[in-house]
């Protein structure tokens, strides 16, 4: 039997590159690495247009970031600076730390975005990604300008 994702992922990578996205690995701290899909161009601080507004898509448990958000990325990547992180333990993002909370994920995504030059963003989260997004907004109010959450809970993590 053929794994459809094994066939589809190379096509998806090609499509993302076609709309100006590229994969990038970011070392968050020693032992913690996150993979992001990022714009080919870095944010231009001198212009004030939609092309410089950052939109961050955070996935849930179903799949990695680019599989989850492919339609949205294809629709928005030419108008906005789109960033799609793979949360830890998805898409090759790893850590040697034992922490697994939404807060830890939020801190890692925020540190990664900072290293990528993102100062302010609109955050979109799905399911668990929404929980991570809530934590990001709580911990980094200067980073998260606005949020859109789908199928998420704002409950404390156990």
Foldseek 3Di string as FASTA:
>chain_A
DDDVCVVCVVVLQVLLVVLAWHKDWDALDVQWIKIKIWGNDAADPVDDFQQRAEEEEEEDDPAFFCVVCVVVCSVPSNRHTYMYIGFDPHPPTHGPDPDDDLLVSLSSVVSRCVVSPQQAHEYEYEASRVCNVVNNCVVPVRHYPYYHYYNYDPDDDD
